[in-house]
Amino acid sequence: MEKWTPKHEAPEPLEGPVVATVTGGTILWFVLFVVQVPFYGWFDDRGHAWWIWVCLAGAGLGLIGIWYVRGRDAALKRAAAAQAGAPRADGATASGSTATS
């Protein structure tokens, strides 16, 4: 059996509204949790109470995800600004020279 090697370069990953997507998913998990809480007894009688806690776990992990993707988005923007030579907050550019007015 011969080793598999790719025949072409992998495409660049698609960047989209990641923060909005994760935030929307987190809201959806929390809404599902809130909608199911009044029916806890019904779920518990049928052995499906774990569904409610899965929704709460999804909302909690979504909060961690929002924190992560916001930080990632900010880091990507900082890197793009530094690569473009945009002035920093202290008045210096990415190349180290000081901007004057």
PDB file of N, CA and C in Angstrom:
ATOM      1  N   MET A   1       0.852  -1.173   0.000  1.00  0.00           N
ATOM      2  CA  MET A   1       0.000   0.000   0.000  1.00  0.00           C
ATOM      3  C   MET A   1       0.895   1.231   0.000  1.00  0.00           C
ATOM      4  N   GLU A   2       0.628   2.119  -0.945  1.00  0.00           N
ATOM      5  CA  GLU A   2       1.486   3.289  -1.016  1.00  0.00           C
ATOM      6  C   GLU A   2       0.920   4.437  -0.194  1.00  0.00           C
ATOM      7  N   LYS A   3       1.843   5.296   0.218  1.00  0.00           N
ATOM      8  CA  LYS A   3       1.469   6.435   1.057  1.00  0.00           C
ATOM      9  C   LYS A   3       0.686   7.454   0.233  1.00  0.00           C
ATOM     10  N   TRP A   4      -0.371   7.974   0.837  1.00  0.00           N
ATOM     11  CA  TRP A   4      -1.196   8.976   0.160  1.00  0.00           C
ATOM     12  C   TRP A   4      -0.545  10.339   0.308  1.00  0.00           C
ATOM     13  N   THR A   5      -0.423  11.044  -0.798  1.00  0.00           N
ATOM     14  CA  THR A   5       0.075  12.411  -0.760  1.00  0.00           C
ATOM     15  C   THR A   5      -0.901  13.291  -1.524  1.00  0.00           C
ATOM     16  N   PRO A   6      -1.103  14.510  -1.044  1.00  0.00           N
ATOM     17  CA  PRO A   6      -2.045  15.389  -1.749  1.00  0.00           C
ATOM     18  C   PRO A   6      -1.501  15.783  -3.117  1.00  0.00           C
ATOM     19  N   LYS A   7      -2.393  15.939  -4.062  1.00  0.00           N
ATOM     20  CA  LYS A   7      -2.002  16.284  -5.427  1.00  0.00           C
ATOM     21  C   LYS A   7      -1.983  17.797  -5.658  1.00  0.00           C
ATOM     22  N   HIS A   8      -2.598  18.552  -4.760  1.00  0.00           N
ATOM     23  CA  HIS A   8      -2.627  20.009  -4.904  1.00  0.00           C
ATOM     24  C   HIS A   8      -2.673  20.642  -3.523  1.00  0.00           C
ATOM     25  N   GLU A   9      -2.448  21.935  -3.490  1.00  0.00           N
ATOM     26  CA  GLU A   9      -2.466  22.681  -2.228  1.00  0.00           C
ATOM     27  C   GLU A   9      -3.878  22.727  -1.647  1.00  0.00           C
ATOM     28  N   ALA A  10      -3.954  22.684  -0.347  1.00  0.00           N
ATOM     29  CA  ALA A  10      -5.254  22.820   0.309  1.00  0.00           C
ATOM     30  C   ALA A  10      -5.723  24.265   0.177  1.00  0.00           C
ATOM     31  N   PRO A  11      -7.017  24.480  -0.022  1.00  0.00           N
ATOM     32  CA  PRO A  11      -7.516  25.857  -0.133  1.00  0.00           C
ATOM     33  C   PRO A  11      -7.438  26.575   1.211  1.00  0.00           C
ATOM     34  N   GLU A  12      -7.397  27.886   1.145  1.00  0.00           N
ATOM     35  CA  GLU A  12      -7.405  28.694   2.362  1.00  0.00           C
ATOM     36  C   GLU A  12      -8.731  28.479   3.096  1.00  0.00           C
ATOM     37  N   PRO A  13      -8.709  28.475   4.427  1.00  0.00           N
ATOM     38  CA  PRO A  13      -9.966  28.319   5.161  1.00  0.00           C
ATOM     39  C   PRO A  13     -10.878  29.525   4.937  1.00  0.00           C
ATOM     40  N   LEU A  14     -12.165  29.262   4.907  1.00  0.00           N
ATOM     41  CA  LEU A  14     -13.128  30.338   4.735  1.00  0.00           C
ATOM     42  C   LEU A  14     -13.309  31.074   6.054  1.00  0.00           C
ATOM     43  N   GLU A  15     -13.225  32.370   5.998  1.00  0.00           N
ATOM     44  CA  GLU A  15     -13.481  33.184   7.184  1.00  0.00           C
ATOM     45  C   GLU A  15     -14.861  33.799   7.030  1.00  0.00           C
ATOM     46  N   GLY A  16     -15.641  33.703   8.048  1.00  0.00           N
ATOM     47  CA  GLY A  16     -16.976  34.264   8.014  1.00  0.00           C
ATOM     48  C   GLY A  16     -17.261  34.989   9.312  1.00  0.00           C
ATOM     49  N   PRO A  17     -18.505  35.271   9.574  1.00  0.00           N
ATOM     50  CA  PRO A  17     -18.872  35.957  10.817  1.00  0.00           C
ATOM     51  C   PRO A  17     -18.836  34.983  11.999  1.00  0.00           C
ATOM     52  N   VAL A  18     -17.637  34.612  12.430  1.00  0.00           N
ATOM     53  CA  VAL A  18     -17.470  33.578  13.445  1.00  0.00           C
ATOM     54  C   VAL A  18     -18.083  34.008  14.778  1.00  0.00           C
ATOM     55  N   VAL A  19     -17.833  35.255  15.188  1.00  0.00           N
ATOM     56  CA  VAL A  19     -18.354  35.722  16.473  1.00  0.00           C
ATOM     57  C   VAL A  19     -19.883  35.688  16.463  1.00  0.00           C
ATOM     58  N   ALA A  20     -20.484  36.141  15.380  1.00  0.00           N
ATOM     59  CA  ALA A  20     -21.945  36.134  15.284  1.00  0.00           C
ATOM     60  C   ALA A  20     -22.496  34.709  15.273  1.00  0.00           C
ATOM     61  N   THR A  21     -21.807  33.808  14.601  1.00  0.00           N
ATOM     62  CA  THR A  21     -22.260  32.419  14.537  1.00  0.00           C
ATOM     63  C   THR A  21     -22.228  31.761  15.907  1.00  0.00           C
ATOM     64  N   VAL A  22     -21.124  31.933  16.634  1.00  0.00           N
ATOM     65  CA  VAL A  22     -21.009  31.327  17.963  1.00  0.00           C
ATOM     66  C   VAL A  22     -21.989  31.979  18.936  1.00  0.00           C
ATOM     67  N   THR A  23     -22.162  33.287  18.832  1.00  0.00           N
ATOM     68  CA  THR A  23     -23.124  33.976  19.697  1.00  0.00           C
ATOM     69  C   THR A  23     -24.548  33.487  19.422  1.00  0.00           C
ATOM     70  N   GLY A  24     -24.893  33.345  18.160  1.00  0.00           N
ATOM     71  CA  GLY A  24     -26.222  32.839  17.804  1.00  0.00           C
ATOM     72  C   GLY A  24     -26.450  31.429  18.319  1.00  0.00           C
ATOM     73  N   GLY A  25     -25.450  30.573  18.198  1.00  0.00           N
ATOM     74  CA  GLY A  25     -25.565  29.216  18.712  1.00  0.00           C
ATOM     75  C   GLY A  25     -25.723  29.175  20.219  1.00  0.00           C
ATOM     76  N   THR A  26     -24.993  30.042  20.903  1.00  0.00           N
ATOM     77  CA  THR A  26     -25.085  30.111  22.368  1.00  0.00           C
ATOM     78  C   THR A  26     -26.474  30.563  22.792  1.00  0.00           C
ATOM     79  N   ILE A  27     -26.995  31.559  22.110  1.00  0.00           N
ATOM     80  CA  ILE A  27     -28.351  32.039  22.419  1.00  0.00           C
ATOM     81  C   ILE A  27     -29.366  30.925  22.181  1.00  0.00           C
ATOM     82  N   LEU A  28     -29.188  30.200  21.088  1.00  0.00           N
ATOM     83  CA  LEU A  28     -30.108  29.095  20.777  1.00  0.00           C
ATOM     84  C   LEU A  28     -30.088  28.032  21.871  1.00  0.00           C
ATOM     85  N   TRP A  29     -28.907  27.630  22.343  1.00  0.00           N
ATOM     86  CA  TRP A  29     -28.815  26.639  23.424  1.00  0.00           C
ATOM     87  C   TRP A  29     -29.506  27.151  24.686  1.00  0.00           C
ATOM     88  N   PHE A  30     -29.292  28.441  25.014  1.00  0.00           N
ATOM     89  CA  PHE A  30     -29.904  28.987  26.224  1.00  0.00           C
ATOM     90  C   PHE A  30     -31.422  29.045  26.091  1.00  0.00           C
ATOM     91  N   VAL A  31     -31.910  29.419  24.920  1.00  0.00           N
ATOM     92  CA  VAL A  31     -33.368  29.457  24.700  1.00  0.00           C
ATOM     93  C   VAL A  31     -33.954  28.056  24.835  1.00  0.00           C
ATOM     94  N   LEU A  32     -33.277  27.058  24.272  1.00  0.00           N
ATOM     95  CA  LEU A  32     -33.758  25.683  24.415  1.00  0.00           C
ATOM     96  C   LEU A  32     -33.808  25.262  25.883  1.00  0.00           C
ATOM     97  N   PHE A  33     -32.811  25.671  26.656  1.00  0.00           N
ATOM     98  CA  PHE A  33     -32.810  25.363  28.085  1.00  0.00           C
ATOM     99  C   PHE A  33     -34.010  26.005  28.781  1.00  0.00           C
ATOM    100  N   VAL A  34     -34.224  27.289  28.532  1.00  0.00           N
ATOM    101  CA  VAL A  34     -35.313  28.024  29.197  1.00  0.00           C
ATOM    102  C   VAL A  34     -36.675  27.449  28.803  1.00  0.00           C
ATOM    103  N   VAL A  35     -36.826  27.057  27.550  1.00  0.00           N
ATOM    104  CA  VAL A  35     -38.106  26.507  27.082  1.00  0.00           C
ATOM    105  C   VAL A  35     -38.382  25.152  27.735  1.00  0.00           C
ATOM    106  N   GLN A  36     -37.348  24.368  27.994  1.00  0.00           N
ATOM    107  CA  GLN A  36     -37.549  23.027  28.536  1.00  0.00           C
ATOM    108  C   GLN A  36     -37.675  22.983  30.051  1.00  0.00           C
ATOM    109  N   VAL A  37     -37.177  23.986  30.759  1.00  0.00           N
ATOM    110  CA  VAL A  37     -37.201  23.963  32.232  1.00  0.00           C
ATOM    111  C   VAL A  37     -38.614  23.783  32.798  1.00  0.00           C
ATOM    112  N   PRO A  38     -39.649  24.456  32.265  1.00  0.00           N
ATOM    113  CA  PRO A  38     -40.989  24.245  32.840  1.00  0.00           C
ATOM    114  C   PRO A  38     -41.493  22.802  32.718  1.00  0.00           C
ATOM    115  N   PHE A  39     -40.918  22.039  31.812  1.00  0.00           N
ATOM    116  CA  PHE A  39     -41.347  20.657  31.594  1.00  0.00           C
ATOM    117  C   PHE A  39     -40.392  19.655  32.224  1.00  0.00           C
ATOM    118  N   TYR A  40     -39.632  20.097  33.219  1.00  0.00           N
ATOM    119  CA  TYR A  40     -38.632  19.228  33.835  1.00  0.00           C
ATOM    120  C   TYR A  40     -39.250  17.917  34.339  1.00  0.00           C
ATOM    121  N   GLY A  41     -40.392  18.004  34.984  1.00  0.00           N
ATOM    122  CA  GLY A  41     -41.059  16.807  35.504  1.00  0.00           C
ATOM    123  C   GLY A  41     -41.402  15.815  34.401  1.00  0.00           C
ATOM    124  N   TRP A  42     -41.899  16.317  33.292  1.00  0.00           N
ATOM    125  CA  TRP A  42     -42.231  15.455  32.164  1.00  0.00           C
ATOM    126  C   TRP A  42     -40.989  14.739  31.645  1.00  0.00           C
ATOM    127  N   PHE A  43     -39.899  15.508  31.472  1.00  0.00           N
ATOM    128  CA  PHE A  43     -38.646  14.905  31.003  1.00  0.00           C
ATOM    129  C   PHE A  43     -38.123  13.887  32.010  1.00  0.00           C
ATOM    130  N   ASP A  44     -38.193  14.237  33.295  1.00  0.00           N
ATOM    131  CA  ASP A  44     -37.664  13.360  34.343  1.00  0.00           C
ATOM    132  C   ASP A  44     -38.456  12.056  34.423  1.00  0.00           C
ATOM    133  N   ASP A  45     -39.767  12.131  34.287  1.00  0.00           N
ATOM    134  CA  ASP A  45     -40.601  10.921  34.323  1.00  0.00           C
ATOM    135  C   ASP A  45     -40.240   9.942  33.209  1.00  0.00           C
ATOM    136  N   ARG A  46     -39.785  10.442  32.096  1.00  0.00           N
ATOM    137  CA  ARG A  46     -39.464   9.597  30.949  1.00  0.00           C
ATOM    138  C   ARG A  46     -37.970   9.298  30.825  1.00  0.00           C
ATOM    139  N   GLY A  47     -37.198   9.747  31.802  1.00  0.00           N
ATOM    140  CA  GLY A  47     -35.757   9.483  31.794  1.00  0.00           C
ATOM    141  C   GLY A  47     -34.967  10.343  30.820  1.00  0.00           C
ATOM    142  N   HIS A  48     -35.522  11.500  30.478  1.00  0.00           N
ATOM    143  CA  HIS A  48     -34.848  12.384  29.523  1.00  0.00           C
ATOM    144  C   HIS A  48     -34.462  13.717  30.147  1.00  0.00           C
ATOM    145  N   ALA A  49     -34.284  13.780  31.429  1.00  0.00           N
ATOM    146  CA  ALA A  49     -33.908  15.048  32.081  1.00  0.00           C
ATOM    147  C   ALA A  49     -32.541  15.534  31.612  1.00  0.00           C
ATOM    148  N   TRP A  50     -31.724  14.619  31.136  1.00  0.00           N
ATOM    149  CA  TRP A  50     -30.401  15.012  30.659  1.00  0.00           C
ATOM    150  C   TRP A  50     -30.482  15.964  29.473  1.00  0.00           C
ATOM    151  N   TRP A  51     -31.586  15.952  28.719  1.00  0.00           N
ATOM    152  CA  TRP A  51     -31.735  16.874  27.600  1.00  0.00           C
ATOM    153  C   TRP A  51     -31.637  18.316  28.077  1.00  0.00           C
ATOM    154  N   ILE A  52     -32.254  18.596  29.204  1.00  0.00           N
ATOM    155  CA  ILE A  52     -32.242  19.957  29.738  1.00  0.00           C
ATOM    156  C   ILE A  52     -30.819  20.370  30.103  1.00  0.00           C
ATOM    157  N   TRP A  53     -30.096  19.449  30.730  1.00  0.00           N
ATOM    158  CA  TRP A  53     -28.737  19.788  31.170  1.00  0.00           C
ATOM    159  C   TRP A  53     -27.769  19.867  30.004  1.00  0.00           C
ATOM    160  N   VAL A  54     -28.047  19.156  28.927  1.00  0.00           N
ATOM    161  CA  VAL A  54     -27.221  19.287  27.722  1.00  0.00           C
ATOM    162  C   VAL A  54     -27.363  20.696  27.147  1.00  0.00           C
ATOM    163  N   CYS A  55     -28.596  21.219  27.157  1.00  0.00           N
ATOM    164  CA  CYS A  55     -28.821  22.580  26.663  1.00  0.00           C
ATOM    165  C   CYS A  55     -28.092  23.599  27.524  1.00  0.00           C
ATOM    166  N   LEU A  56     -28.109  23.405  28.836  1.00  0.00           N
ATOM    167  CA  LEU A  56     -27.396  24.326  29.725  1.00  0.00           C
ATOM    168  C   LEU A  56     -25.888  24.217  29.500  1.00  0.00           C
ATOM    169  N   ALA A  57     -25.391  23.014  29.320  1.00  0.00           N
ATOM    170  CA  ALA A  57     -23.959  22.831  29.042  1.00  0.00           C
ATOM    171  C   ALA A  57     -23.584  23.483  27.715  1.00  0.00           C
ATOM    172  N   GLY A  58     -24.444  23.365  26.710  1.00  0.00           N
ATOM    173  CA  GLY A  58     -24.186  24.017  25.430  1.00  0.00           C
ATOM    174  C   GLY A  58     -24.112  25.520  25.567  1.00  0.00           C
ATOM    175  N   ALA A  59     -25.002  26.097  26.379  1.00  0.00           N
ATOM    176  CA  ALA A  59     -24.970  27.540  26.602  1.00  0.00           C
ATOM    177  C   ALA A  59     -23.704  27.940  27.351  1.00  0.00           C
ATOM    178  N   GLY A  60     -23.318  27.166  28.350  1.00  0.00           N
ATOM    179  CA  GLY A  60     -22.105  27.485  29.107  1.00  0.00           C
ATOM    180  C   GLY A  60     -20.852  27.377  28.255  1.00  0.00           C
ATOM    181  N   LEU A  61     -20.758  26.310  27.470  1.00  0.00           N
ATOM    182  CA  LEU A  61     -19.601  26.161  26.577  1.00  0.00           C
ATOM    183  C   LEU A  61     -19.625  27.229  25.488  1.00  0.00           C
ATOM    184  N   GLY A  62     -20.814  27.644  25.097  1.00  0.00           N
ATOM    185  CA  GLY A  62     -20.924  28.728  24.122  1.00  0.00           C
ATOM    186  C   GLY A  62     -20.366  30.029  24.652  1.00  0.00           C
ATOM    187  N   LEU A  63     -20.551  30.298  25.948  1.00  0.00           N
ATOM    188  CA  LEU A  63     -19.973  31.504  26.541  1.00  0.00           C
ATOM    189  C   LEU A  63     -18.453  31.466  26.470  1.00  0.00           C
ATOM    190  N   ILE A  64     -17.881  30.296  26.712  1.00  0.00           N
ATOM    191  CA  ILE A  64     -16.431  30.143  26.571  1.00  0.00           C
ATOM    192  C   ILE A  64     -16.033  30.349  25.110  1.00  0.00           C
ATOM    193  N   GLY A  65     -16.844  29.817  24.209  1.00  0.00           N
ATOM    194  CA  GLY A  65     -16.577  29.976  22.783  1.00  0.00           C
ATOM    195  C   GLY A  65     -16.631  31.430  22.342  1.00  0.00           C
ATOM    196  N   ILE A  66     -17.584  32.185  22.856  1.00  0.00           N
ATOM    197  CA  ILE A  66     -17.670  33.613  22.516  1.00  0.00           C
ATOM    198  C   ILE A  66     -16.410  34.325  22.971  1.00  0.00           C
ATOM    199  N   TRP A  67     -15.977  34.054  24.196  1.00  0.00           N
ATOM    200  CA  TRP A  67     -14.751  34.670  24.717  1.00  0.00           C
ATOM    201  C   TRP A  67     -13.565  34.327  23.812  1.00  0.00           C
ATOM    202  N   TYR A  68     -13.477  33.070  23.394  1.00  0.00           N
ATOM    203  CA  TYR A  68     -12.363  32.616  22.572  1.00  0.00           C
ATOM    204  C   TYR A  68     -12.376  33.272  21.187  1.00  0.00           C
ATOM    205  N   VAL A  69     -13.512  33.245  20.492  1.00  0.00           N
ATOM    206  CA  VAL A  69     -13.538  33.767  19.126  1.00  0.00           C
ATOM    207  C   VAL A  69     -13.412  35.286  19.092  1.00  0.00           C
ATOM    208  N   ARG A  70     -13.872  35.973  20.134  1.00  0.00           N
ATOM    209  CA  ARG A  70     -13.659  37.430  20.189  1.00  0.00           C
ATOM    210  C   ARG A  70     -12.176  37.742  20.325  1.00  0.00           C
ATOM    211  N   GLY A  71     -11.480  36.976  21.162  1.00  0.00           N
ATOM    212  CA  GLY A  71     -10.039  37.165  21.300  1.00  0.00           C
ATOM    213  C   GLY A  71      -9.300  36.824  20.018  1.00  0.00           C
ATOM    214  N   ARG A  72      -9.729  35.757  19.348  1.00  0.00           N
ATOM    215  CA  ARG A  72      -9.107  35.359  18.083  1.00  0.00           C
ATOM    216  C   ARG A  72      -9.335  36.427  17.028  1.00  0.00           C
ATOM    217  N   ASP A  73     -10.541  36.946  16.951  1.00  0.00           N
ATOM    218  CA  ASP A  73     -10.861  37.982  15.976  1.00  0.00           C
ATOM    219  C   ASP A  73     -10.023  39.231  16.228  1.00  0.00           C
ATOM    220  N   ALA A  74      -9.883  39.618  17.490  1.00  0.00           N
ATOM    221  CA  ALA A  74      -9.074  40.795  17.824  1.00  0.00           C
ATOM    222  C   ALA A  74      -7.607  40.561  17.457  1.00  0.00           C
ATOM    223  N   ALA A  75      -7.098  39.365  17.709  1.00  0.00           N
ATOM    224  CA  ALA A  75      -5.706  39.050  17.370  1.00  0.00           C
ATOM    225  C   ALA A  75      -5.486  39.082  15.857  1.00  0.00           C
ATOM    226  N   LEU A  76      -6.446  38.567  15.092  1.00  0.00           N
ATOM    227  CA  LEU A  76      -6.326  38.605  13.633  1.00  0.00           C
ATOM    228  C   LEU A  76      -6.326  40.046  13.127  1.00  0.00           C
ATOM    229  N   LYS A  77      -7.158  40.893  13.703  1.00  0.00           N
ATOM    230  CA  LYS A  77      -7.198  42.303  13.295  1.00  0.00           C
ATOM    231  C   LYS A  77      -5.910  43.017  13.662  1.00  0.00           C
ATOM    232  N   ARG A  78      -5.359  42.711  14.852  1.00  0.00           N
ATOM    233  CA  ARG A  78      -4.076  43.319  15.251  1.00  0.00           C
ATOM    234  C   ARG A  78      -2.963  42.884  14.307  1.00  0.00           C
ATOM    235  N   ALA A  79      -2.939  41.618  13.949  1.00  0.00           N
ATOM    236  CA  ALA A  79      -1.906  41.106  13.049  1.00  0.00           C
ATOM    237  C   ALA A  79      -2.028  41.734  11.666  1.00  0.00           C
ATOM    238  N   ALA A  80      -3.251  41.891  11.172  1.00  0.00           N
ATOM    239  CA  ALA A  80      -3.453  42.518   9.864  1.00  0.00           C
ATOM    240  C   ALA A  80      -3.027  43.978   9.891  1.00  0.00           C
ATOM    241  N   ALA A  81      -3.328  44.678  10.985  1.00  0.00           N
ATOM    242  CA  ALA A  81      -2.934  46.080  11.105  1.00  0.00           C
ATOM    243  C   ALA A  81      -1.415  46.216  11.194  1.00  0.00           C
ATOM    244  N   ALA A  82      -0.770  45.329  11.921  1.00  0.00           N
ATOM    245  CA  ALA A  82       0.684  45.377  12.052  1.00  0.00           C
ATOM    246  C   ALA A  82       1.350  45.054  10.719  1.00  0.00           C
ATOM    247  N   GLN A  83       0.771  44.137   9.968  1.00  0.00           N
ATOM    248  CA  GLN A  83       1.335  43.758   8.679  1.00  0.00           C
ATOM    249  C   GLN A  83       1.176  44.882   7.662  1.00  0.00           C
ATOM    250  N   ALA A  84       0.116  45.660   7.788  1.00  0.00           N
ATOM    251  CA  ALA A  84      -0.138  46.755   6.867  1.00  0.00           C
ATOM    252  C   ALA A  84       0.670  48.003   7.234  1.00  0.00           C
ATOM    253  N   GLY A  85       1.321  48.012   8.395  1.00  0.00           N
ATOM    254  CA  GLY A  85       2.109  49.167   8.813  1.00  0.00           C
ATOM    255  C   GLY A  85       1.268  50.290   9.378  1.00  0.00           C
ATOM    256  N   ALA A  86       0.107  49.947   9.867  1.00  0.00           N
ATOM    257  CA  ALA A  86      -0.774  50.954  10.446  1.00  0.00           C
ATOM    258  C   ALA A  86      -0.168  51.485  11.738  1.00  0.00           C
ATOM    259  N   PRO A  87      -0.411  52.758  12.056  1.00  0.00           N
ATOM    260  CA  PRO A  87       0.122  53.307  13.302  1.00  0.00           C
ATOM    261  C   PRO A  87      -0.517  52.649  14.522  1.00  0.00           C
ATOM    262  N   ARG A  88       0.300  52.448  15.529  1.00  0.00           N
ATOM    263  CA  ARG A  88      -0.189  51.870  16.777  1.00  0.00           C
ATOM    264  C   ARG A  88      -0.685  52.987  17.684  1.00  0.00           C
ATOM    265  N   ALA A  89      -1.235  52.599  18.818  1.00  0.00           N
ATOM    266  CA  ALA A  89      -1.787  53.574  19.765  1.00  0.00           C
ATOM    267  C   ALA A  89      -0.712  54.505  20.314  1.00  0.00           C
ATOM    268  N   ASP A  90       0.555  54.051  20.407  1.00  0.00           N
ATOM    269  CA  ASP A  90       1.616  54.891  20.956  1.00  0.00           C
ATOM    270  C   ASP A  90       2.240  55.805  19.904  1.00  0.00           C
ATOM    271  N   GLY A  91       1.709  55.821  18.673  1.00  0.00           N
ATOM    272  CA  GLY A  91       2.193  56.720  17.650  1.00  0.00           C
ATOM    273  C   GLY A  91       3.235  56.115  16.734  1.00  0.00           C
ATOM    274  N   ALA A  92       3.729  54.937  17.038  1.00  0.00           N
ATOM    275  CA  ALA A  92       4.725  54.277  16.204  1.00  0.00           C
ATOM    276  C   ALA A  92       4.042  53.398  15.180  1.00  0.00           C
ATOM    277  N   THR A  93       4.728  53.167  14.070  1.00  0.00           N
ATOM    278  CA  THR A  93       4.195  52.246  13.072  1.00  0.00           C
ATOM    279  C   THR A  93       4.766  50.865  13.317  1.00  0.00           C
ATOM    280  N   ALA A  94       4.304  49.901  12.573  1.00  0.00           N
ATOM    281  CA  ALA A  94       4.777  48.535  12.754  1.00  0.00           C
ATOM    282  C   ALA A  94       6.266  48.397  12.462  1.00  0.00           C
ATOM    283  N   SER A  95       6.821  49.303  11.602  1.00  0.00           N
ATOM    284  CA  SER A  95       8.232  49.244  11.263  1.00  0.00           C
ATOM    285  C   SER A  95       9.108  49.880  12.349  1.00  0.00           C
ATOM    286  N   GLY A  96       8.491  50.559  13.315  1.00  0.00           N
ATOM    287  CA  GLY A  96       9.235  51.131  14.424  1.00  0.00           C
ATOM    288  C   GLY A  96       9.421  52.634  14.341  1.00  0.00           C
ATOM    289  N   SER A  97       9.093  53.259  13.201  1.00  0.00           N
ATOM    290  CA  SER A  97       9.245  54.702  13.110  1.00  0.00           C
ATOM    291  C   SER A  97       8.073  55.402  13.772  1.00  0.00           C
ATOM    292  N   THR A  98       8.278  56.647  14.179  1.00  0.00           N
ATOM    293  CA  THR A  98       7.248  57.404  14.868  1.00  0.00           C
ATOM    294  C   THR A  98       6.505  58.266  13.855  1.00  0.00           C
ATOM    295  N   ALA A  99       5.181  58.216  13.914  1.00  0.00           N
ATOM    296  CA  ALA A  99       4.367  59.038  13.013  1.00  0.00           C
ATOM    297  C   ALA A  99       4.321  60.463  13.520  1.00  0.00           C
ATOM    298  N   THR A 100       4.495  61.427  12.607  1.00  0.00           N
ATOM    299  CA  THR A 100       4.421  62.846  12.986  1.00  0.00           C
ATOM    300  C   THR A 100       3.317  63.507  12.204  1.00  0.00           C
ATOM    301  N   SER A 101       2.732  64.547  12.760  1.00  0.00           N
ATOM    302  CA  SER A 101       1.644  65.256  12.090  1.00  0.00           C
ATOM    303  C   SER A 101       2.137  66.520  11.493  1.00  0.00           C
TER     304      SER A 101
END
